[in-house]
N, C-alpha and C. Protein backbone atom coordinates (compact mmCIF):
# COMPACT_ATOMS: atom_id res chain seq x y z
N UNK A 1 0.86 -1.18 -0.01
CA UNK A 1 -0.01 -0.01 0.00
C UNK A 1 0.89 1.23 0.00
N UNK A 2 0.63 2.17 -0.91
CA UNK A 2 1.45 3.38 -1.01
C UNK A 2 1.08 4.38 0.09
N UNK A 3 2.00 5.35 0.30
CA UNK A 3 1.71 6.38 1.30
C UNK A 3 0.43 7.14 0.94
N UNK A 4 0.25 7.44 -0.36
CA UNK A 4 -0.94 8.19 -0.78
C UNK A 4 -2.21 7.41 -0.46
N UNK A 5 -2.17 6.10 -0.66
CA UNK A 5 -3.32 5.27 -0.35
C UNK A 5 -3.60 5.23 1.17
N UNK A 6 -2.53 5.15 1.94
CA UNK A 6 -2.69 5.10 3.39
C UNK A 6 -3.26 6.43 3.89
N UNK A 7 -2.70 7.54 3.42
CA UNK A 7 -3.18 8.86 3.86
C UNK A 7 -4.61 9.08 3.42
N UNK A 8 -4.94 8.66 2.22
CA UNK A 8 -6.32 8.77 1.73
C UNK A 8 -7.28 7.96 2.62
N UNK A 9 -6.88 6.76 3.02
CA UNK A 9 -7.70 5.90 3.87
C UNK A 9 -7.89 6.53 5.24
N UNK A 10 -6.82 7.12 5.80
CA UNK A 10 -6.90 7.76 7.09
C UNK A 10 -7.83 8.97 7.02
N UNK A 11 -7.72 9.75 5.96
CA UNK A 11 -8.57 10.93 5.79
C UNK A 11 -10.04 10.53 5.74
N UNK A 12 -10.34 9.49 5.01
CA UNK A 12 -11.73 8.99 4.92
C UNK A 12 -12.19 8.51 6.29
N UNK A 13 -11.35 7.75 7.00
CA UNK A 13 -11.73 7.24 8.31
C UNK A 13 -12.05 8.39 9.29
N UNK A 14 -11.26 9.47 9.22
CA UNK A 14 -11.45 10.59 10.13
C UNK A 14 -12.73 11.37 9.81
N UNK A 15 -13.27 11.21 8.62
CA UNK A 15 -14.49 11.91 8.23
C UNK A 15 -15.74 11.19 8.72
N UNK A 16 -15.57 9.95 9.16
CA UNK A 16 -16.69 9.16 9.67
C UNK A 16 -16.95 9.47 11.14
N UNK A 17 -18.10 9.08 11.69
CA UNK A 17 -18.33 9.30 13.13
C UNK A 17 -17.21 8.68 13.97
N UNK A 18 -16.74 9.42 14.97
CA UNK A 18 -15.59 8.97 15.76
C UNK A 18 -16.02 8.16 16.97
N UNK A 19 -15.18 7.26 17.45
CA UNK A 19 -15.56 6.44 18.63
C UNK A 19 -15.58 7.25 19.93
N UNK A 20 -14.82 8.36 19.99
CA UNK A 20 -14.88 9.27 21.13
C UNK A 20 -14.44 8.67 22.45
N UNK A 21 -15.18 9.01 23.51
CA UNK A 21 -14.78 8.65 24.87
C UNK A 21 -14.63 7.16 25.05
N UNK A 22 -15.47 6.38 24.35
CA UNK A 22 -15.39 4.92 24.48
C UNK A 22 -14.00 4.41 24.16
N UNK A 23 -13.36 4.99 23.14
CA UNK A 23 -12.02 4.58 22.78
C UNK A 23 -10.96 5.23 23.65
N UNK A 24 -11.20 6.48 24.03
CA UNK A 24 -10.24 7.20 24.85
C UNK A 24 -10.01 6.53 26.19
N UNK A 25 -11.09 6.09 26.84
CA UNK A 25 -10.93 5.57 28.22
C UNK A 25 -10.26 4.21 28.26
N UNK A 26 -10.03 3.58 27.13
CA UNK A 26 -9.31 2.31 27.12
C UNK A 26 -7.85 2.52 27.55
N UNK A 27 -7.36 3.72 27.43
CA UNK A 27 -5.98 4.02 27.86
C UNK A 27 -5.99 5.03 29.02
N UNK A 28 -7.00 4.94 29.85
CA UNK A 28 -7.13 5.85 30.97
C UNK A 28 -7.06 5.13 32.30
N UNK A 29 -6.57 5.82 33.31
CA UNK A 29 -6.55 5.29 34.66
C UNK A 29 -7.98 5.32 35.22
N UNK A 30 -8.26 4.54 36.25
CA UNK A 30 -9.57 4.60 36.89
C UNK A 30 -9.82 5.98 37.45
N UNK A 31 -8.82 6.64 37.94
CA UNK A 31 -8.98 8.01 38.48
C UNK A 31 -9.51 8.94 37.42
N UNK A 32 -8.94 8.89 36.21
CA UNK A 32 -9.38 9.77 35.12
C UNK A 32 -10.80 9.42 34.67
N UNK A 33 -11.11 8.11 34.62
CA UNK A 33 -12.45 7.71 34.25
C UNK A 33 -13.47 8.28 35.23
N UNK A 34 -13.16 8.23 36.51
CA UNK A 34 -14.07 8.76 37.54
C UNK A 34 -14.22 10.28 37.36
N UNK A 35 -13.12 10.97 37.01
CA UNK A 35 -13.18 12.42 36.81
C UNK A 35 -14.07 12.76 35.60
N UNK A 36 -13.87 12.02 34.50
CA UNK A 36 -14.59 12.32 33.28
C UNK A 36 -16.06 11.99 33.35
N UNK A 37 -16.42 10.99 34.17
CA UNK A 37 -17.82 10.58 34.29
C UNK A 37 -18.48 11.16 35.56
N UNK A 38 -17.71 11.93 36.31
CA UNK A 38 -18.23 12.51 37.54
C UNK A 38 -18.77 13.92 37.33
N UNK A 39 -18.63 14.73 38.38
CA UNK A 39 -19.26 16.06 38.39
C UNK A 39 -18.32 17.16 37.93
N UNK A 40 -17.07 16.85 37.55
CA UNK A 40 -16.15 17.88 37.10
C UNK A 40 -16.65 18.48 35.80
N UNK A 41 -16.73 19.80 35.75
CA UNK A 41 -17.28 20.49 34.59
C UNK A 41 -16.17 21.02 33.69
N UNK A 42 -16.42 20.96 32.40
CA UNK A 42 -15.49 21.52 31.41
C UNK A 42 -15.98 22.88 30.91
N UNK A 43 -16.97 23.45 31.61
CA UNK A 43 -17.59 24.70 31.15
C UNK A 43 -16.58 25.86 31.04
N UNK A 44 -15.62 25.89 31.94
CA UNK A 44 -14.63 26.97 31.95
C UNK A 44 -13.28 26.49 31.42
N UNK A 45 -13.33 25.46 30.58
CA UNK A 45 -12.08 24.90 30.06
C UNK A 45 -11.36 25.88 29.12
N UNK A 46 -10.07 25.71 29.04
CA UNK A 46 -9.23 26.53 28.17
C UNK A 46 -9.06 25.80 26.82
N UNK A 47 -9.54 26.39 25.73
CA UNK A 47 -9.43 25.70 24.42
C UNK A 47 -7.97 25.55 23.99
N UNK A 48 -7.65 24.35 23.52
CA UNK A 48 -6.28 24.08 23.09
C UNK A 48 -6.32 22.98 22.02
N UNK A 49 -5.17 22.74 21.41
CA UNK A 49 -5.14 21.68 20.38
C UNK A 49 -3.75 21.09 20.30
N UNK A 50 -3.66 19.89 19.72
CA UNK A 50 -2.39 19.20 19.51
C UNK A 50 -2.38 18.69 18.07
N UNK A 51 -1.18 18.35 17.60
CA UNK A 51 -1.03 17.84 16.23
C UNK A 51 -0.41 16.44 16.28
N UNK A 52 -1.13 15.48 15.75
CA UNK A 52 -0.60 14.15 15.55
C UNK A 52 -0.11 14.14 14.09
N UNK A 53 1.18 14.35 13.92
CA UNK A 53 1.75 14.54 12.61
C UNK A 53 2.32 13.23 12.04
N UNK A 54 1.90 12.88 10.84
CA UNK A 54 2.40 11.70 10.13
C UNK A 54 3.35 12.14 9.03
N UNK A 55 4.42 11.38 8.85
CA UNK A 55 5.39 11.69 7.78
C UNK A 55 6.20 10.43 7.46
N UNK A 56 6.72 10.33 6.24
CA UNK A 56 7.45 9.13 5.83
C UNK A 56 8.92 9.20 6.24
N UNK A 57 9.42 8.07 6.67
CA UNK A 57 10.87 7.86 6.85
C UNK A 57 11.18 6.54 6.17
N UNK A 58 11.92 6.61 5.08
CA UNK A 58 12.17 5.43 4.23
C UNK A 58 10.82 4.87 3.79
N UNK A 59 10.49 3.65 4.16
CA UNK A 59 9.24 3.07 3.70
C UNK A 59 8.20 2.98 4.82
N UNK A 60 8.40 3.75 5.89
CA UNK A 60 7.50 3.69 7.03
C UNK A 60 6.92 5.05 7.36
N UNK A 61 5.72 5.02 7.99
CA UNK A 61 5.14 6.24 8.51
C UNK A 61 5.56 6.43 9.96
N UNK A 62 5.92 7.66 10.29
CA UNK A 62 6.34 7.99 11.66
C UNK A 62 5.44 9.09 12.20
N UNK A 63 5.49 9.30 13.51
CA UNK A 63 4.89 10.45 14.15
C UNK A 63 5.84 10.98 15.19
N UNK A 64 5.60 12.21 15.66
CA UNK A 64 6.57 12.87 16.55
C UNK A 64 5.90 13.29 17.85
N UNK A 65 6.66 13.14 18.94
CA UNK A 65 6.24 13.56 20.27
C UNK A 65 7.27 14.48 20.87
N UNK A 66 6.91 15.15 21.94
CA UNK A 66 7.89 15.94 22.69
C UNK A 66 7.86 15.47 24.15
N UNK A 67 9.03 15.55 24.77
CA UNK A 67 9.09 15.31 26.21
C UNK A 67 9.20 16.68 26.87
N UNK A 68 8.24 16.97 27.75
CA UNK A 68 8.21 18.26 28.43
C UNK A 68 9.34 18.36 29.48
N UNK A 69 9.88 19.54 29.71
CA UNK A 69 10.86 19.69 30.78
C UNK A 69 10.23 19.47 32.15
N UNK A 70 11.06 19.21 33.15
CA UNK A 70 10.58 19.06 34.51
C UNK A 70 10.48 20.44 35.17
N UNK A 71 9.40 21.14 34.84
CA UNK A 71 9.24 22.52 35.31
C UNK A 71 8.39 22.61 36.56
N UNK A 72 7.85 21.49 37.02
CA UNK A 72 7.07 21.51 38.25
C UNK A 72 5.57 21.58 38.04
N UNK A 73 5.10 21.70 36.80
CA UNK A 73 3.67 21.75 36.54
C UNK A 73 3.05 20.38 36.49
N UNK A 74 1.72 20.35 36.21
CA UNK A 74 0.99 19.10 36.29
C UNK A 74 1.40 18.11 35.18
N UNK A 75 1.95 18.62 34.06
CA UNK A 75 2.37 17.75 32.98
C UNK A 75 3.89 17.69 32.78
N UNK A 76 4.62 18.15 33.80
CA UNK A 76 6.07 18.22 33.70
C UNK A 76 6.68 16.85 33.45
N UNK A 77 7.61 16.79 32.51
CA UNK A 77 8.35 15.57 32.23
C UNK A 77 7.60 14.55 31.39
N UNK A 78 6.33 14.82 31.07
CA UNK A 78 5.55 13.85 30.34
C UNK A 78 5.83 13.94 28.83
N UNK A 79 5.53 12.85 28.15
CA UNK A 79 5.63 12.81 26.70
C UNK A 79 4.25 13.19 26.13
N UNK A 80 4.25 14.11 25.19
CA UNK A 80 2.99 14.59 24.63
C UNK A 80 3.14 14.88 23.17
N UNK A 81 2.01 15.15 22.52
CA UNK A 81 2.02 15.61 21.14
C UNK A 81 2.29 17.11 21.14
N UNK A 82 2.93 17.65 20.10
CA UNK A 82 3.11 19.10 20.03
C UNK A 82 1.77 19.81 20.07
N UNK A 83 1.69 20.89 20.81
CA UNK A 83 0.44 21.63 20.91
C UNK A 83 0.40 22.51 22.14
N UNK A 84 -0.72 23.17 22.31
CA UNK A 84 -0.86 24.05 23.45
C UNK A 84 -2.15 24.88 23.38
N UNK A 85 -2.20 25.93 24.20
CA UNK A 85 -3.40 26.74 24.36
C UNK A 85 -3.63 27.66 23.18
N UNK A 86 -4.90 27.84 22.81
CA UNK A 86 -5.23 28.76 21.75
C UNK A 86 -4.91 30.19 22.18
N UNK A 87 -4.24 30.92 21.30
CA UNK A 87 -3.90 32.33 21.54
C UNK A 87 -4.87 33.22 20.78
N UNK A 88 -5.01 34.48 21.24
CA UNK A 88 -5.94 35.40 20.58
C UNK A 88 -5.72 35.57 19.07
N UNK A 89 -4.48 35.43 18.61
CA UNK A 89 -4.18 35.59 17.20
C UNK A 89 -4.49 34.38 16.35
N UNK A 90 -4.84 33.25 16.95
CA UNK A 90 -5.16 32.04 16.20
C UNK A 90 -6.58 32.12 15.66
N UNK A 91 -6.74 31.94 14.37
CA UNK A 91 -8.08 32.04 13.77
C UNK A 91 -8.94 30.84 14.10
N UNK A 92 -8.32 29.71 14.37
CA UNK A 92 -9.06 28.49 14.76
C UNK A 92 -8.08 27.54 15.46
N UNK A 93 -8.62 26.41 15.94
CA UNK A 93 -7.79 25.49 16.70
C UNK A 93 -6.81 24.73 15.85
N UNK A 94 -7.12 24.55 14.55
CA UNK A 94 -6.15 23.92 13.66
C UNK A 94 -4.91 24.82 13.56
N UNK A 95 -5.13 26.12 13.49
CA UNK A 95 -4.01 27.05 13.43
C UNK A 95 -3.22 27.03 14.71
N UNK A 96 -3.89 26.85 15.85
CA UNK A 96 -3.18 26.71 17.12
C UNK A 96 -2.23 25.51 17.08
N UNK A 97 -2.74 24.37 16.61
CA UNK A 97 -1.92 23.14 16.56
C UNK A 97 -0.70 23.36 15.66
N UNK A 98 -0.91 24.01 14.51
CA UNK A 98 0.18 24.23 13.56
C UNK A 98 1.17 25.24 14.14
N UNK A 99 0.69 26.30 14.77
CA UNK A 99 1.59 27.30 15.34
C UNK A 99 2.46 26.68 16.46
N UNK A 100 1.79 25.94 17.36
CA UNK A 100 2.51 25.33 18.46
C UNK A 100 3.55 24.34 17.96
N UNK A 101 3.21 23.61 16.90
CA UNK A 101 4.14 22.63 16.35
C UNK A 101 5.37 23.32 15.74
N UNK A 102 5.12 24.48 15.12
CA UNK A 102 6.25 25.24 14.58
C UNK A 102 7.12 25.78 15.70
N UNK A 103 6.50 26.30 16.76
CA UNK A 103 7.25 26.88 17.85
C UNK A 103 8.01 25.81 18.65
N UNK A 104 7.40 24.66 18.86
CA UNK A 104 7.99 23.64 19.73
C UNK A 104 9.00 22.76 19.03
N UNK A 105 8.70 22.36 17.77
CA UNK A 105 9.58 21.41 17.10
C UNK A 105 10.02 21.84 15.71
N UNK A 106 9.65 23.08 15.30
CA UNK A 106 10.15 23.62 14.06
C UNK A 106 9.48 23.13 12.77
N UNK A 107 8.26 22.60 12.88
CA UNK A 107 7.57 22.13 11.69
C UNK A 107 6.96 23.31 10.93
N UNK A 108 7.33 23.49 9.67
CA UNK A 108 6.79 24.59 8.86
C UNK A 108 5.32 24.37 8.57
N UNK A 109 4.51 25.33 8.92
CA UNK A 109 3.04 25.17 8.81
C UNK A 109 2.61 24.90 7.37
N UNK A 110 3.30 25.52 6.41
CA UNK A 110 2.89 25.37 5.01
C UNK A 110 3.12 23.96 4.47
N UNK A 111 3.91 23.17 5.19
CA UNK A 111 4.21 21.81 4.74
C UNK A 111 3.27 20.76 5.31
N UNK A 112 2.32 21.19 6.14
CA UNK A 112 1.42 20.24 6.82
C UNK A 112 0.05 20.30 6.18
N UNK A 113 -0.44 19.14 5.81
CA UNK A 113 -1.84 19.02 5.33
C UNK A 113 -2.67 18.41 6.44
N UNK A 114 -3.68 19.12 6.88
CA UNK A 114 -4.58 18.63 7.92
C UNK A 114 -5.54 17.60 7.30
N UNK A 115 -5.53 16.39 7.85
CA UNK A 115 -6.35 15.30 7.33
C UNK A 115 -7.71 15.25 8.00
N UNK A 116 -7.79 15.74 9.22
CA UNK A 116 -9.01 15.69 9.98
C UNK A 116 -8.71 15.86 11.45
N UNK A 117 -9.69 15.58 12.27
CA UNK A 117 -9.47 15.74 13.73
C UNK A 117 -10.13 14.58 14.47
N UNK A 118 -9.66 14.39 15.71
CA UNK A 118 -10.22 13.39 16.59
C UNK A 118 -11.15 14.09 17.59
N UNK A 119 -11.71 13.33 18.51
CA UNK A 119 -12.67 13.87 19.47
C UNK A 119 -11.96 14.76 20.50
N UNK A 120 -12.67 15.78 20.92
CA UNK A 120 -12.14 16.65 22.01
C UNK A 120 -11.95 15.82 23.26
N UNK A 121 -10.99 16.25 24.07
CA UNK A 121 -10.71 15.57 25.33
C UNK A 121 -10.45 16.62 26.41
N UNK A 122 -11.24 16.53 27.47
CA UNK A 122 -11.06 17.46 28.61
C UNK A 122 -10.04 16.89 29.58
N UNK A 123 -9.11 17.75 30.03
CA UNK A 123 -8.06 17.31 30.95
C UNK A 123 -8.27 18.06 32.28
N UNK A 124 -8.89 17.42 33.26
CA UNK A 124 -9.23 18.10 34.51
C UNK A 124 -8.05 18.77 35.24
N UNK A 125 -6.86 18.14 35.38
CA UNK A 125 -5.81 18.78 36.18
C UNK A 125 -5.40 20.17 35.65
N UNK A 126 -5.39 20.35 34.32
CA UNK A 126 -4.98 21.63 33.75
C UNK A 126 -6.13 22.44 33.18
N UNK A 127 -7.34 21.82 33.17
CA UNK A 127 -8.55 22.45 32.64
C UNK A 127 -8.42 22.81 31.15
N UNK A 128 -7.65 22.05 30.43
CA UNK A 128 -7.57 22.21 28.97
C UNK A 128 -8.63 21.34 28.29
N UNK A 129 -9.28 21.91 27.27
CA UNK A 129 -10.15 21.12 26.40
C UNK A 129 -9.39 20.98 25.09
N UNK A 130 -8.86 19.79 24.84
CA UNK A 130 -7.90 19.56 23.74
C UNK A 130 -8.63 19.02 22.52
N UNK A 131 -8.36 19.67 21.37
CA UNK A 131 -8.84 19.14 20.08
C UNK A 131 -7.62 18.58 19.34
N UNK A 132 -7.54 17.27 19.11
CA UNK A 132 -6.41 16.69 18.40
C UNK A 132 -6.63 16.73 16.88
N UNK A 133 -5.66 17.25 16.17
CA UNK A 133 -5.70 17.27 14.70
C UNK A 133 -4.68 16.25 14.18
N UNK A 134 -5.01 15.62 13.06
CA UNK A 134 -4.10 14.70 12.40
C UNK A 134 -3.61 15.39 11.11
N UNK A 135 -2.29 15.45 10.96
CA UNK A 135 -1.70 16.10 9.79
C UNK A 135 -0.71 15.20 9.09
N UNK A 136 -0.33 15.64 7.89
CA UNK A 136 0.62 14.83 7.09
C UNK A 136 1.62 15.75 6.41
N UNK A 137 2.90 15.38 6.48
CA UNK A 137 3.98 16.01 5.72
C UNK A 137 4.48 15.01 4.70
N UNK A 138 4.72 15.46 3.47
CA UNK A 138 5.15 14.54 2.44
C UNK A 138 6.59 14.08 2.62
N UNK A 139 7.36 14.80 3.42
CA UNK A 139 8.70 14.34 3.78
C UNK A 139 8.96 14.68 5.24
N UNK A 140 9.97 14.01 5.82
CA UNK A 140 10.28 14.22 7.21
C UNK A 140 10.70 15.67 7.46
N UNK A 141 10.06 16.33 8.42
CA UNK A 141 10.42 17.73 8.71
C UNK A 141 11.84 17.84 9.27
N UNK A 142 12.43 18.99 9.11
CA UNK A 142 13.71 19.29 9.76
C UNK A 142 13.40 19.79 11.15
N UNK A 143 13.32 18.89 12.10
CA UNK A 143 12.88 19.24 13.43
C UNK A 143 13.95 20.10 14.15
N UNK A 144 13.44 21.06 14.93
CA UNK A 144 14.28 21.89 15.77
C UNK A 144 13.51 22.22 17.02
N UNK A 145 14.02 21.79 18.17
CA UNK A 145 13.24 21.96 19.40
C UNK A 145 13.45 23.34 20.03
N UNK A 146 12.43 23.78 20.72
CA UNK A 146 12.50 24.97 21.56
C UNK A 146 12.92 24.47 22.94
N UNK A 147 14.15 24.76 23.39
CA UNK A 147 14.64 24.19 24.64
C UNK A 147 13.85 24.66 25.86
N UNK A 148 13.13 25.76 25.73
CA UNK A 148 12.34 26.25 26.86
C UNK A 148 11.09 25.37 27.07
N UNK A 149 10.61 24.72 26.00
CA UNK A 149 9.39 23.94 26.11
C UNK A 149 9.58 22.45 25.87
N UNK A 150 10.74 22.08 25.32
CA UNK A 150 10.95 20.70 24.90
C UNK A 150 12.29 20.19 25.37
N UNK A 151 12.30 19.09 26.12
CA UNK A 151 13.53 18.47 26.51
C UNK A 151 14.08 17.56 25.41
N UNK A 152 13.16 16.85 24.75
CA UNK A 152 13.55 15.91 23.72
C UNK A 152 12.48 15.76 22.68
N UNK A 153 12.90 15.67 21.41
CA UNK A 153 11.99 15.32 20.33
C UNK A 153 12.08 13.81 20.12
N UNK A 154 10.93 13.17 20.10
CA UNK A 154 10.85 11.70 20.03
C UNK A 154 10.09 11.30 18.76
N UNK A 155 10.76 10.55 17.89
CA UNK A 155 10.12 10.04 16.67
C UNK A 155 9.85 8.56 16.82
N UNK A 156 8.63 8.15 16.51
CA UNK A 156 8.22 6.76 16.69
C UNK A 156 7.52 6.26 15.44
N UNK A 157 7.90 5.06 15.01
CA UNK A 157 7.25 4.44 13.88
C UNK A 157 5.80 4.13 14.22
N UNK A 158 4.90 4.52 13.34
CA UNK A 158 3.48 4.39 13.62
C UNK A 158 3.06 2.93 13.86
N UNK A 159 3.62 2.01 13.09
CA UNK A 159 3.25 0.59 13.26
C UNK A 159 3.69 0.05 14.61
N UNK A 160 4.80 0.55 15.14
CA UNK A 160 5.26 0.14 16.50
C UNK A 160 4.32 0.72 17.56
N UNK A 161 3.95 1.95 17.35
CA UNK A 161 3.09 2.65 18.35
C UNK A 161 1.72 1.99 18.43
N UNK A 162 1.16 1.60 17.29
CA UNK A 162 -0.20 1.07 17.28
C UNK A 162 -0.27 -0.44 17.45
N UNK A 163 0.90 -1.08 17.66
CA UNK A 163 0.90 -2.51 17.91
C UNK A 163 0.31 -2.81 19.29
N UNK A 164 -0.43 -3.91 19.38
CA UNK A 164 -1.00 -4.30 20.67
C UNK A 164 0.08 -4.60 21.68
N UNK A 165 1.27 -4.98 21.24
CA UNK A 165 2.39 -5.27 22.13
C UNK A 165 2.92 -4.01 22.83
N UNK A 166 2.58 -2.83 22.27
CA UNK A 166 3.07 -1.60 22.85
C UNK A 166 2.32 -1.19 24.12
N UNK A 167 1.15 -1.79 24.34
CA UNK A 167 0.30 -1.39 25.48
C UNK A 167 0.70 -2.17 26.75
N UNK A 168 1.06 -1.42 27.78
CA UNK A 168 1.40 -2.03 29.07
C UNK A 168 0.82 -1.19 30.17
N UNK A 169 0.51 -1.79 31.30
CA UNK A 169 0.05 -1.05 32.47
C UNK A 169 1.29 -0.63 33.28
N UNK A 170 1.40 0.67 33.55
CA UNK A 170 2.55 1.20 34.24
C UNK A 170 2.07 2.02 35.47
N UNK A 171 2.99 2.14 36.43
CA UNK A 171 2.72 2.99 37.58
C UNK A 171 3.30 4.39 37.32
N UNK A 172 2.53 5.44 37.60
CA UNK A 172 2.98 6.79 37.32
C UNK A 172 2.80 7.69 38.56
N UNK A 173 3.73 8.56 38.76
CA UNK A 173 3.68 9.49 39.90
C UNK A 173 2.90 10.72 39.46
N UNK A 174 1.85 11.09 40.22
CA UNK A 174 1.05 12.26 39.86
C UNK A 174 1.09 13.33 40.94
N UNK A 175 1.82 13.08 42.01
CA UNK A 175 1.95 14.06 43.06
C UNK A 175 2.87 13.54 44.13
N UNK A 176 3.08 14.32 45.16
CA UNK A 176 3.98 13.95 46.24
C UNK A 176 3.49 12.68 46.92
N UNK A 177 4.19 11.59 46.66
CA UNK A 177 3.81 10.31 47.26
C UNK A 177 2.59 9.65 46.68
N UNK A 178 2.06 10.21 45.59
CA UNK A 178 0.83 9.67 44.99
C UNK A 178 1.17 9.03 43.65
N UNK A 179 0.78 7.75 43.50
CA UNK A 179 1.01 7.02 42.26
C UNK A 179 -0.30 6.39 41.78
N UNK A 180 -0.44 6.26 40.50
CA UNK A 180 -1.56 5.57 39.92
C UNK A 180 -1.07 4.57 38.88
N UNK A 181 -1.92 3.58 38.60
CA UNK A 181 -1.62 2.66 37.52
C UNK A 181 -2.50 3.04 36.33
N UNK A 182 -1.88 3.03 35.14
CA UNK A 182 -2.64 3.38 33.94
C UNK A 182 -2.08 2.65 32.72
N UNK A 183 -2.94 2.27 31.78
CA UNK A 183 -2.43 1.72 30.52
C UNK A 183 -1.56 2.74 29.84
N UNK A 184 -0.49 2.28 29.22
CA UNK A 184 0.47 3.18 28.59
C UNK A 184 0.99 2.57 27.30
N UNK A 185 1.41 3.42 26.39
CA UNK A 185 2.11 2.97 25.20
C UNK A 185 3.62 2.98 25.52
N UNK A 186 4.26 1.87 25.38
CA UNK A 186 5.69 1.77 25.67
C UNK A 186 6.43 1.35 24.39
N UNK A 187 7.23 2.26 23.84
CA UNK A 187 7.93 2.01 22.60
C UNK A 187 9.37 2.55 22.75
N UNK A 188 10.36 1.66 22.49
CA UNK A 188 11.74 2.05 22.53
C UNK A 188 12.12 2.73 23.85
N UNK A 189 11.54 2.24 24.93
CA UNK A 189 11.83 2.78 26.26
C UNK A 189 11.06 4.05 26.62
N UNK A 190 10.28 4.57 25.70
CA UNK A 190 9.47 5.75 25.94
C UNK A 190 8.08 5.33 26.41
N UNK A 191 7.61 5.99 27.48
CA UNK A 191 6.31 5.66 28.07
C UNK A 191 5.35 6.82 27.86
N UNK A 192 4.25 6.55 27.14
CA UNK A 192 3.28 7.57 26.82
C UNK A 192 1.99 7.21 27.52
N UNK A 193 1.48 8.12 28.36
CA UNK A 193 0.29 7.84 29.14
C UNK A 193 -0.55 9.10 29.28
N UNK A 194 -1.62 8.99 30.05
CA UNK A 194 -2.45 10.16 30.28
C UNK A 194 -3.24 10.56 29.06
N UNK A 195 -3.44 11.87 28.90
CA UNK A 195 -4.28 12.38 27.82
C UNK A 195 -3.73 12.00 26.45
N UNK A 196 -2.41 12.00 26.31
CA UNK A 196 -1.80 11.66 25.01
C UNK A 196 -2.12 10.21 24.64
N UNK A 197 -2.04 9.31 25.61
CA UNK A 197 -2.37 7.91 25.35
C UNK A 197 -3.85 7.77 25.01
N UNK A 198 -4.70 8.55 25.61
CA UNK A 198 -6.14 8.50 25.31
C UNK A 198 -6.42 8.98 23.91
N UNK A 199 -5.73 10.02 23.45
CA UNK A 199 -5.85 10.48 22.08
C UNK A 199 -5.38 9.43 21.09
N UNK A 200 -4.24 8.81 21.40
CA UNK A 200 -3.71 7.74 20.54
C UNK A 200 -4.64 6.52 20.50
N UNK A 201 -5.33 6.27 21.60
CA UNK A 201 -6.24 5.14 21.65
C UNK A 201 -7.39 5.34 20.67
N UNK A 202 -7.90 6.56 20.60
CA UNK A 202 -8.96 6.81 19.61
C UNK A 202 -8.43 6.72 18.19
N UNK A 203 -7.22 7.27 17.97
CA UNK A 203 -6.64 7.19 16.62
C UNK A 203 -6.45 5.73 16.22
N UNK A 204 -5.99 4.92 17.15
CA UNK A 204 -5.80 3.48 16.88
C UNK A 204 -7.13 2.85 16.50
N UNK A 205 -8.20 3.23 17.16
CA UNK A 205 -9.50 2.66 16.87
C UNK A 205 -9.98 3.12 15.48
N UNK A 206 -9.73 4.38 15.15
CA UNK A 206 -10.09 4.89 13.82
C UNK A 206 -9.34 4.12 12.72
N UNK A 207 -8.05 3.89 12.92
CA UNK A 207 -7.23 3.20 11.95
C UNK A 207 -7.76 1.78 11.68
N UNK A 208 -8.34 1.19 12.69
CA UNK A 208 -8.86 -0.21 12.54
C UNK A 208 -10.06 -0.26 11.57
N UNK A 209 -10.68 0.85 11.32
CA UNK A 209 -11.89 0.84 10.50
C UNK A 209 -11.60 0.75 8.99
N UNK A 210 -10.33 0.93 8.63
CA UNK A 210 -9.96 0.87 7.20
C UNK A 210 -8.85 -0.15 7.01
N UNK A 211 -8.79 -0.80 5.87
CA UNK A 211 -7.72 -1.81 5.63
C UNK A 211 -6.39 -1.17 5.31
N UNK A 212 -5.61 -0.88 6.36
CA UNK A 212 -4.29 -0.25 6.17
C UNK A 212 -3.24 -1.27 6.53
N UNK A 213 -2.31 -1.51 5.61
CA UNK A 213 -1.17 -2.36 5.86
C UNK A 213 0.07 -1.49 5.94
N UNK A 214 0.66 -1.41 7.16
CA UNK A 214 1.85 -0.55 7.33
C UNK A 214 3.11 -1.26 6.82
């Protein structure tokens, strides 16, 4: 299957009704499930977006993540997709995702084709309402990290990431002396959990709806 065929199939799949929360919670801790199904309101959430960027490396599709610095915040040190809060100058949330990706990892906005988006996800600890966009670059970007926001740029082969073998339950520290267990994507020693894993869980479910051979 060619890259064009794969990208076309993904675009079509994203245009169909999305699995939403049902797929997201498969990679969620019990604590997060209780938060999302409880009384916590997203009414005053801060609109934000992230970019799940696909691009070819040799004969494989890859995607890129960032590892946040240990700055002491609620998401410090975690692995996430490039993205952030919508700014007043952003005309829409897709522009937010593209701008943040340029600022954080140096991806030129004009080289990204937005294929579609996944379901919004509310993140109670930071009160962000995240809209994940899926994009495609025809060639691997020349990544350049912003050291103030990114400790490491992490590139992962999509087939490795979406493999069932990548899913493991891990213990994670969420506060002083507080740990939780949560399903996580573990690839090449990198552990992806929390909201990012929930976003990837829905993307994985969407991918299953079309015959894609990586």
